[in-house]
């Protein structure tokens, strides 16, 4: 983490994962909307499932276009002659926000999977 290339490598890794996450969240939202229009959907839970899928998409957008660029900007080493790499003070707050959104995303995804499981049964 003290390497000057760490922030650039992390940015590249999160760039790829966040884009895949955006595509998956968009597919989930689109699939639930199609399922709702073609059949009875999840019944009373259809509107809730669509809203939850849009929450997943919103979280992916926040991660991709707000938090990850901010974390990368804070972590970039722009002075080639300064070899003391310290973790910026705002980085911990951004990490906490990112992981809080990931926890919300995990809970919402589990809820959507339980809706699908109940619909299949």
N, C-alpha and C. Protein backbone atom coordinates (compact mmCIF):
# COMPACT_ATOMS: atom_id res chain seq x y z
N UNK A 1 0.81 -1.20 0.00
CA UNK A 1 0.00 0.00 0.00
C UNK A 1 0.85 1.26 0.00
N UNK A 2 2.11 1.13 0.33
CA UNK A 2 2.98 2.30 0.33
C UNK A 2 3.62 2.54 -1.03
N UNK A 3 3.43 1.64 -1.94
CA UNK A 3 3.99 1.79 -3.28
C UNK A 3 3.28 2.92 -4.02
N UNK A 4 4.02 3.72 -4.79
CA UNK A 4 3.38 4.82 -5.53
C UNK A 4 2.39 4.34 -6.59
N UNK A 5 2.55 3.11 -7.04
CA UNK A 5 1.66 2.57 -8.09
C UNK A 5 0.39 1.94 -7.52
N UNK A 6 0.28 1.89 -6.20
CA UNK A 6 -0.85 1.20 -5.59
C UNK A 6 -2.19 1.84 -5.97
N UNK A 7 -2.28 3.15 -5.95
CA UNK A 7 -3.54 3.84 -6.27
C UNK A 7 -3.92 3.63 -7.72
N UNK A 8 -2.95 3.66 -8.60
CA UNK A 8 -3.25 3.45 -10.03
C UNK A 8 -3.71 2.02 -10.28
N UNK A 9 -3.07 1.06 -9.62
CA UNK A 9 -3.49 -0.34 -9.79
C UNK A 9 -4.88 -0.56 -9.21
N UNK A 10 -5.15 0.03 -8.05
CA UNK A 10 -6.48 -0.09 -7.46
C UNK A 10 -7.54 0.55 -8.32
N UNK A 11 -7.22 1.70 -8.91
CA UNK A 11 -8.17 2.37 -9.80
C UNK A 11 -8.48 1.50 -11.01
N UNK A 12 -7.47 0.88 -11.58
CA UNK A 12 -7.67 0.02 -12.75
C UNK A 12 -8.53 -1.20 -12.40
N UNK A 13 -8.25 -1.78 -11.24
CA UNK A 13 -9.01 -2.96 -10.81
C UNK A 13 -10.47 -2.59 -10.54
N UNK A 14 -10.70 -1.51 -9.78
CA UNK A 14 -12.06 -1.10 -9.48
C UNK A 14 -12.79 -0.62 -10.73
N UNK A 15 -12.08 -0.03 -11.69
CA UNK A 15 -12.70 0.41 -12.93
C UNK A 15 -13.37 -0.78 -13.61
N UNK A 16 -12.63 -1.88 -13.74
CA UNK A 16 -13.19 -3.06 -14.39
C UNK A 16 -14.37 -3.66 -13.62
N UNK A 17 -14.19 -3.84 -12.32
CA UNK A 17 -15.26 -4.43 -11.52
C UNK A 17 -16.50 -3.55 -11.49
N UNK A 18 -16.33 -2.26 -11.39
CA UNK A 18 -17.49 -1.37 -11.34
C UNK A 18 -18.26 -1.37 -12.65
N UNK A 19 -17.56 -1.47 -13.77
CA UNK A 19 -18.27 -1.51 -15.06
C UNK A 19 -19.06 -2.81 -15.21
N UNK A 20 -18.49 -3.92 -14.78
CA UNK A 20 -19.22 -5.19 -14.82
C UNK A 20 -20.42 -5.13 -13.88
N UNK A 21 -20.25 -4.51 -12.74
CA UNK A 21 -21.34 -4.34 -11.78
C UNK A 21 -22.46 -3.49 -12.36
N UNK A 22 -22.12 -2.44 -13.09
CA UNK A 22 -23.14 -1.62 -13.75
C UNK A 22 -23.95 -2.42 -14.75
N UNK A 23 -23.27 -3.22 -15.55
CA UNK A 23 -23.96 -4.03 -16.55
C UNK A 23 -24.88 -5.04 -15.87
N UNK A 24 -24.40 -5.70 -14.82
CA UNK A 24 -25.21 -6.68 -14.12
C UNK A 24 -26.43 -6.04 -13.45
N UNK A 25 -26.24 -4.89 -12.83
CA UNK A 25 -27.37 -4.20 -12.18
C UNK A 25 -28.39 -3.76 -13.22
N UNK A 26 -27.93 -3.30 -14.37
CA UNK A 26 -28.86 -2.90 -15.44
C UNK A 26 -29.62 -4.11 -15.97
N UNK A 27 -28.94 -5.25 -16.09
CA UNK A 27 -29.62 -6.47 -16.54
C UNK A 27 -30.67 -6.94 -15.54
N UNK A 28 -30.36 -6.84 -14.26
CA UNK A 28 -31.33 -7.23 -13.23
C UNK A 28 -32.56 -6.32 -13.29
N UNK A 29 -32.35 -5.02 -13.38
CA UNK A 29 -33.47 -4.08 -13.45
C UNK A 29 -34.31 -4.32 -14.70
N UNK A 30 -33.64 -4.50 -15.84
CA UNK A 30 -34.36 -4.74 -17.08
C UNK A 30 -35.12 -6.06 -17.04
N UNK A 31 -34.49 -7.09 -16.51
CA UNK A 31 -35.13 -8.40 -16.41
C UNK A 31 -36.36 -8.37 -15.52
N UNK A 32 -36.28 -7.66 -14.41
CA UNK A 32 -37.45 -7.58 -13.54
C UNK A 32 -38.58 -6.77 -14.18
N UNK A 33 -38.24 -5.73 -14.92
CA UNK A 33 -39.27 -4.96 -15.61
C UNK A 33 -39.94 -5.79 -16.70
N UNK A 34 -39.16 -6.56 -17.42
CA UNK A 34 -39.72 -7.43 -18.47
C UNK A 34 -40.59 -8.51 -17.84
N UNK A 35 -40.10 -9.12 -16.75
CA UNK A 35 -40.87 -10.15 -16.06
C UNK A 35 -42.19 -9.58 -15.54
N UNK A 36 -42.17 -8.37 -15.07
CA UNK A 36 -43.39 -7.74 -14.57
C UNK A 36 -44.38 -7.49 -15.70
N UNK A 37 -43.91 -7.12 -16.89
CA UNK A 37 -44.80 -6.83 -18.01
C UNK A 37 -45.30 -8.09 -18.71
N UNK A 38 -44.49 -9.15 -18.76
CA UNK A 38 -44.89 -10.35 -19.48
C UNK A 38 -45.81 -11.26 -18.69
N UNK A 39 -45.63 -11.32 -17.41
CA UNK A 39 -46.47 -12.20 -16.60
C UNK A 39 -46.93 -11.43 -15.36
N UNK A 40 -47.35 -12.17 -14.40
CA UNK A 40 -47.81 -11.51 -13.18
C UNK A 40 -46.64 -11.04 -12.33
N UNK A 41 -45.44 -11.32 -12.74
CA UNK A 41 -44.26 -10.88 -11.99
C UNK A 41 -44.18 -11.60 -10.66
N UNK A 42 -43.93 -10.86 -9.63
CA UNK A 42 -43.87 -11.42 -8.28
C UNK A 42 -45.15 -11.14 -7.51
N UNK A 43 -46.19 -10.76 -8.22
CA UNK A 43 -47.43 -10.43 -7.54
C UNK A 43 -47.33 -9.09 -6.84
N UNK A 44 -47.60 -9.08 -5.56
CA UNK A 44 -47.57 -7.84 -4.79
C UNK A 44 -46.14 -7.33 -4.61
N UNK A 45 -45.16 -8.20 -4.78
CA UNK A 45 -43.77 -7.82 -4.57
C UNK A 45 -43.10 -7.28 -5.83
N UNK A 46 -43.82 -7.19 -6.93
CA UNK A 46 -43.21 -6.74 -8.19
C UNK A 46 -42.67 -5.33 -8.10
N UNK A 47 -43.49 -4.43 -7.59
CA UNK A 47 -43.05 -3.03 -7.49
C UNK A 47 -41.84 -2.91 -6.55
N UNK A 48 -41.87 -3.63 -5.45
CA UNK A 48 -40.75 -3.61 -4.50
C UNK A 48 -39.49 -4.16 -5.15
N UNK A 49 -39.63 -5.24 -5.92
CA UNK A 49 -38.47 -5.84 -6.58
C UNK A 49 -37.87 -4.88 -7.60
N UNK A 50 -38.71 -4.19 -8.34
CA UNK A 50 -38.20 -3.23 -9.33
C UNK A 50 -37.49 -2.07 -8.64
N UNK A 51 -38.07 -1.57 -7.56
CA UNK A 51 -37.43 -0.48 -6.81
C UNK A 51 -36.09 -0.94 -6.24
N UNK A 52 -36.04 -2.15 -5.70
CA UNK A 52 -34.78 -2.67 -5.16
C UNK A 52 -33.73 -2.85 -6.25
N UNK A 53 -34.16 -3.26 -7.44
CA UNK A 53 -33.19 -3.40 -8.54
C UNK A 53 -32.66 -2.04 -8.97
N UNK A 54 -33.51 -1.02 -8.91
CA UNK A 54 -33.04 0.33 -9.23
C UNK A 54 -32.11 0.87 -8.14
N UNK A 55 -32.32 0.43 -6.90
CA UNK A 55 -31.39 0.78 -5.82
C UNK A 55 -30.03 0.16 -6.09
N UNK A 56 -30.01 -1.09 -6.55
CA UNK A 56 -28.74 -1.74 -6.92
C UNK A 56 -28.03 -0.95 -8.03
N UNK A 57 -28.79 -0.51 -9.00
CA UNK A 57 -28.20 0.27 -10.09
C UNK A 57 -27.66 1.61 -9.58
N UNK A 58 -28.40 2.25 -8.68
CA UNK A 58 -27.95 3.53 -8.12
C UNK A 58 -26.67 3.35 -7.31
N UNK A 59 -26.58 2.27 -6.55
CA UNK A 59 -25.36 2.02 -5.78
C UNK A 59 -24.18 1.80 -6.71
N UNK A 60 -24.40 1.05 -7.78
CA UNK A 60 -23.32 0.82 -8.75
C UNK A 60 -22.88 2.13 -9.40
N UNK A 61 -23.83 3.01 -9.69
CA UNK A 61 -23.48 4.31 -10.27
C UNK A 61 -22.70 5.18 -9.29
N UNK A 62 -23.11 5.17 -8.03
CA UNK A 62 -22.40 5.94 -7.01
C UNK A 62 -20.98 5.42 -6.84
N UNK A 63 -20.84 4.10 -6.77
CA UNK A 63 -19.50 3.51 -6.64
C UNK A 63 -18.62 3.85 -7.83
N UNK A 64 -19.18 3.76 -9.03
CA UNK A 64 -18.39 3.94 -10.24
C UNK A 64 -18.01 5.38 -10.50
N UNK A 65 -18.95 6.29 -10.33
CA UNK A 65 -18.71 7.67 -10.76
C UNK A 65 -18.50 8.67 -9.63
N UNK A 66 -18.64 8.24 -8.38
CA UNK A 66 -18.41 9.17 -7.26
C UNK A 66 -17.30 8.70 -6.34
N UNK A 67 -17.45 7.52 -5.76
CA UNK A 67 -16.50 7.10 -4.74
C UNK A 67 -15.15 6.64 -5.30
N UNK A 68 -15.16 5.82 -6.32
CA UNK A 68 -13.89 5.30 -6.85
C UNK A 68 -13.00 6.41 -7.42
N UNK A 69 -13.52 7.35 -8.20
CA UNK A 69 -12.63 8.44 -8.66
C UNK A 69 -12.09 9.29 -7.51
N UNK A 70 -12.90 9.51 -6.48
CA UNK A 70 -12.43 10.29 -5.33
C UNK A 70 -11.31 9.56 -4.60
N UNK A 71 -11.49 8.23 -4.40
CA UNK A 71 -10.45 7.45 -3.73
C UNK A 71 -9.17 7.43 -4.55
N UNK A 72 -9.31 7.32 -5.85
CA UNK A 72 -8.12 7.31 -6.72
C UNK A 72 -7.41 8.66 -6.69
N UNK A 73 -8.19 9.73 -6.71
CA UNK A 73 -7.59 11.06 -6.69
C UNK A 73 -6.85 11.32 -5.37
N UNK A 74 -7.41 10.85 -4.28
CA UNK A 74 -6.74 11.04 -2.99
C UNK A 74 -5.46 10.21 -2.88
N UNK A 75 -5.47 9.04 -3.51
CA UNK A 75 -4.34 8.13 -3.35
C UNK A 75 -3.22 8.30 -4.35
N UNK A 76 -3.44 9.06 -5.41
CA UNK A 76 -2.40 9.22 -6.43
C UNK A 76 -1.20 9.99 -5.89
N UNK A 77 -0.03 9.48 -6.18
CA UNK A 77 1.22 10.13 -5.82
C UNK A 77 1.67 10.97 -7.01
N UNK A 78 1.53 12.29 -6.90
CA UNK A 78 1.83 13.16 -8.02
C UNK A 78 3.22 13.78 -7.95
N UNK A 79 3.84 13.75 -6.80
CA UNK A 79 5.18 14.30 -6.63
C UNK A 79 6.18 13.14 -6.72
N UNK A 80 6.94 13.09 -7.80
CA UNK A 80 7.87 11.99 -8.01
C UNK A 80 9.04 12.00 -7.03
N UNK A 81 9.32 13.14 -6.42
CA UNK A 81 10.48 13.25 -5.54
C UNK A 81 10.13 13.07 -4.06
N UNK A 82 8.85 12.96 -3.76
CA UNK A 82 8.42 12.76 -2.38
C UNK A 82 8.19 11.27 -2.18
N UNK A 83 9.04 10.61 -1.40
CA UNK A 83 8.96 9.16 -1.24
C UNK A 83 8.19 8.76 0.01
N UNK A 84 7.72 9.70 0.78
CA UNK A 84 6.94 9.35 1.96
C UNK A 84 5.48 9.23 1.56
N UNK A 85 4.99 8.02 1.57
CA UNK A 85 3.60 7.77 1.17
C UNK A 85 2.76 7.60 2.43
N UNK A 86 1.86 8.51 2.64
CA UNK A 86 0.95 8.44 3.78
C UNK A 86 -0.47 8.28 3.26
N UNK A 87 -1.27 7.60 4.04
CA UNK A 87 -2.68 7.46 3.66
C UNK A 87 -3.39 8.76 3.99
N UNK A 88 -4.04 9.37 3.01
CA UNK A 88 -4.74 10.64 3.26
C UNK A 88 -5.85 10.46 4.30
N UNK A 89 -6.14 11.52 5.02
CA UNK A 89 -7.12 11.43 6.10
C UNK A 89 -8.54 11.15 5.59
N UNK A 90 -8.90 11.63 4.44
CA UNK A 90 -10.24 11.42 3.91
C UNK A 90 -10.46 10.04 3.32
N UNK A 91 -9.38 9.29 3.13
CA UNK A 91 -9.49 7.98 2.49
C UNK A 91 -10.30 7.00 3.35
N UNK A 92 -10.11 7.02 4.66
CA UNK A 92 -10.84 6.09 5.52
C UNK A 92 -12.34 6.35 5.47
N UNK A 93 -12.74 7.59 5.39
CA UNK A 93 -14.16 7.93 5.29
C UNK A 93 -14.74 7.42 3.97
N UNK A 94 -13.99 7.57 2.88
CA UNK A 94 -14.45 7.07 1.58
C UNK A 94 -14.53 5.55 1.59
N UNK A 95 -13.56 4.88 2.23
CA UNK A 95 -13.62 3.42 2.32
C UNK A 95 -14.83 2.96 3.12
N UNK A 96 -15.12 3.66 4.20
CA UNK A 96 -16.29 3.30 5.00
C UNK A 96 -17.58 3.47 4.20
N UNK A 97 -17.68 4.55 3.45
CA UNK A 97 -18.85 4.76 2.61
C UNK A 97 -18.99 3.69 1.54
N UNK A 98 -17.86 3.33 0.94
CA UNK A 98 -17.87 2.31 -0.12
C UNK A 98 -18.34 0.97 0.45
N UNK A 99 -17.78 0.58 1.59
CA UNK A 99 -18.14 -0.71 2.15
C UNK A 99 -19.54 -0.71 2.75
N UNK A 100 -20.02 0.43 3.21
CA UNK A 100 -21.41 0.52 3.66
C UNK A 100 -22.35 0.31 2.48
N UNK A 101 -22.04 0.92 1.35
CA UNK A 101 -22.86 0.70 0.15
C UNK A 101 -22.79 -0.75 -0.31
N UNK A 102 -21.63 -1.38 -0.17
CA UNK A 102 -21.50 -2.80 -0.53
C UNK A 102 -22.37 -3.67 0.38
N UNK A 103 -22.45 -3.32 1.67
CA UNK A 103 -23.30 -4.08 2.60
C UNK A 103 -24.77 -3.91 2.24
N UNK A 104 -25.16 -2.69 1.89
CA UNK A 104 -26.54 -2.45 1.46
C UNK A 104 -26.83 -3.24 0.17
N UNK A 105 -25.87 -3.24 -0.73
CA UNK A 105 -26.05 -3.97 -1.99
C UNK A 105 -26.20 -5.48 -1.74
N UNK A 106 -25.44 -6.01 -0.80
CA UNK A 106 -25.54 -7.42 -0.46
C UNK A 106 -26.92 -7.74 0.13
N UNK A 107 -27.43 -6.87 1.01
CA UNK A 107 -28.75 -7.09 1.60
C UNK A 107 -29.85 -6.99 0.55
N UNK A 108 -29.75 -6.01 -0.34
CA UNK A 108 -30.76 -5.84 -1.39
C UNK A 108 -30.71 -7.02 -2.37
N UNK A 109 -29.52 -7.45 -2.72
CA UNK A 109 -29.39 -8.60 -3.62
C UNK A 109 -29.96 -9.87 -2.99
N UNK A 110 -29.72 -10.07 -1.69
CA UNK A 110 -30.30 -11.22 -1.00
C UNK A 110 -31.81 -11.17 -0.97
N UNK A 111 -32.36 -9.97 -0.77
CA UNK A 111 -33.81 -9.81 -0.77
C UNK A 111 -34.39 -10.14 -2.14
N UNK A 112 -33.73 -9.66 -3.20
CA UNK A 112 -34.20 -9.98 -4.56
C UNK A 112 -34.11 -11.47 -4.84
N UNK A 113 -33.05 -12.11 -4.38
CA UNK A 113 -32.93 -13.56 -4.58
C UNK A 113 -34.02 -14.31 -3.80
N UNK A 114 -34.37 -13.82 -2.62
CA UNK A 114 -35.45 -14.48 -1.86
C UNK A 114 -36.79 -14.29 -2.57
N UNK A 115 -37.01 -13.12 -3.19
CA UNK A 115 -38.23 -12.93 -3.98
C UNK A 115 -38.29 -13.94 -5.13
N UNK A 116 -37.17 -14.13 -5.82
CA UNK A 116 -37.12 -15.06 -6.94
C UNK A 116 -37.36 -16.50 -6.45
N UNK A 117 -36.77 -16.84 -5.31
CA UNK A 117 -36.94 -18.19 -4.78
C UNK A 117 -38.39 -18.42 -4.37
N UNK A 118 -39.03 -17.43 -3.75
CA UNK A 118 -40.43 -17.57 -3.36
C UNK A 118 -41.33 -17.66 -4.58
N UNK A 119 -40.96 -16.95 -5.64
CA UNK A 119 -41.75 -16.98 -6.87
C UNK A 119 -41.65 -18.35 -7.55
N UNK A 120 -40.51 -18.98 -7.47
CA UNK A 120 -40.32 -20.31 -8.07
C UNK A 120 -41.05 -21.39 -7.29
N UNK A 121 -41.18 -21.22 -6.00
CA UNK A 121 -41.79 -22.27 -5.16
C UNK A 121 -43.28 -22.28 -5.25
